[in-house]
Amino acid sequence: MTPKAQHLVDSIFKKLKTYKNKKIFLEKESLNKFIFSLLKEN
């Protein structure tokens, strides 16, 4: 994964983990795989 994509994943992870209105169960590896699958070109 490129540094830019990794930064995007880190930013999204940080924002979601600080979201207080609902409890969010999130693992960084799962988010990483999801984002990678969205960016993956066929």
C-alpha atoms as a PDB file:
ATOM      1  CA  MET A   1       0.000   0.000   0.000  1.00  0.00           C
ATOM      2  CA  THR A   2       1.287   3.430  -0.863  1.00  0.00           C
ATOM      3  CA  PRO A   3       2.158   5.901   1.914  1.00  0.00           C
ATOM      4  CA  LYS A   4      -0.723   8.137   0.791  1.00  0.00           C
ATOM      5  CA  ALA A   5      -3.226   5.278   1.040  1.00  0.00           C
ATOM      6  CA  GLN A   6      -1.815   4.245   4.425  1.00  0.00           C
ATOM      7  CA  HIS A   7      -2.226   7.824   5.656  1.00  0.00           C
ATOM      8  CA  LEU A   8      -5.849   7.763   4.472  1.00  0.00           C
ATOM      9  CA  VAL A   9      -6.511   4.529   6.380  1.00  0.00           C
ATOM     10  CA  ASP A  10      -4.865   5.957   9.500  1.00  0.00           C
ATOM     11  CA  SER A  11      -6.937   9.137   9.279  1.00  0.00           C
ATOM     12  CA  ILE A  12     -10.214   7.263   8.853  1.00  0.00           C
ATOM     13  CA  PHE A  13      -9.335   4.885  11.691  1.00  0.00           C
ATOM     14  CA  LYS A  14      -8.510   7.785  14.013  1.00  0.00           C
ATOM     15  CA  LYS A  15     -11.755   9.638  13.193  1.00  0.00           C
ATOM     16  CA  LEU A  16     -13.919   6.546  13.678  1.00  0.00           C
ATOM     17  CA  LYS A  17     -12.283   5.616  16.966  1.00  0.00           C
ATOM     18  CA  THR A  18     -12.962   9.080  18.401  1.00  0.00           C
ATOM     19  CA  TYR A  19     -16.630   9.049  17.355  1.00  0.00           C
ATOM     20  CA  LYS A  20     -18.479   9.125  20.683  1.00  0.00           C
ATOM     21  CA  ASN A  21     -22.188   8.877  19.779  1.00  0.00           C
ATOM     22  CA  LYS A  22     -22.074   5.163  19.023  1.00  0.00           C
ATOM     23  CA  LYS A  23     -19.786   2.374  20.043  1.00  0.00           C
ATOM     24  CA  ILE A  24     -17.763   1.233  17.070  1.00  0.00           C
ATOM     25  CA  PHE A  25     -15.881  -2.047  17.141  1.00  0.00           C
ATOM     26  CA  LEU A  26     -13.139  -1.641  14.598  1.00  0.00           C
ATOM     27  CA  GLU A  27      -9.836  -3.342  14.020  1.00  0.00           C
ATOM     28  CA  LYS A  28      -7.257  -1.449  12.021  1.00  0.00           C
ATOM     29  CA  GLU A  29      -6.349  -4.528   9.970  1.00  0.00           C
ATOM     30  CA  SER A  30      -9.982  -5.005   8.913  1.00  0.00           C
ATOM     31  CA  LEU A  31     -10.272  -1.367   7.903  1.00  0.00           C
ATOM     32  CA  ASN A  32      -6.994  -1.649   6.018  1.00  0.00           C
ATOM     33  CA  LYS A  33      -8.264  -4.657   4.040  1.00  0.00           C
ATOM     34  CA  PHE A  34     -11.578  -2.924   3.299  1.00  0.00           C
ATOM     35  CA  ILE A  35      -9.934   0.263   2.022  1.00  0.00           C
ATOM     36  CA  PHE A  36      -7.467  -1.767  -0.031  1.00  0.00           C
ATOM     37  CA  SER A  37     -10.349  -3.703  -1.613  1.00  0.00           C
ATOM     38  CA  LEU A  38     -12.011  -0.411  -2.578  1.00  0.00           C
ATOM     39  CA  LEU A  39      -8.822   0.954  -4.126  1.00  0.00           C
ATOM     40  CA  LYS A  40      -7.830  -2.279  -5.842  1.00  0.00           C
ATOM     41  CA  GLU A  41      -7.977  -2.105  -9.607  1.00  0.00           C
ATOM     42  CA  ASN A  42      -9.159  -5.189 -11.497  1.00  0.00           C
END
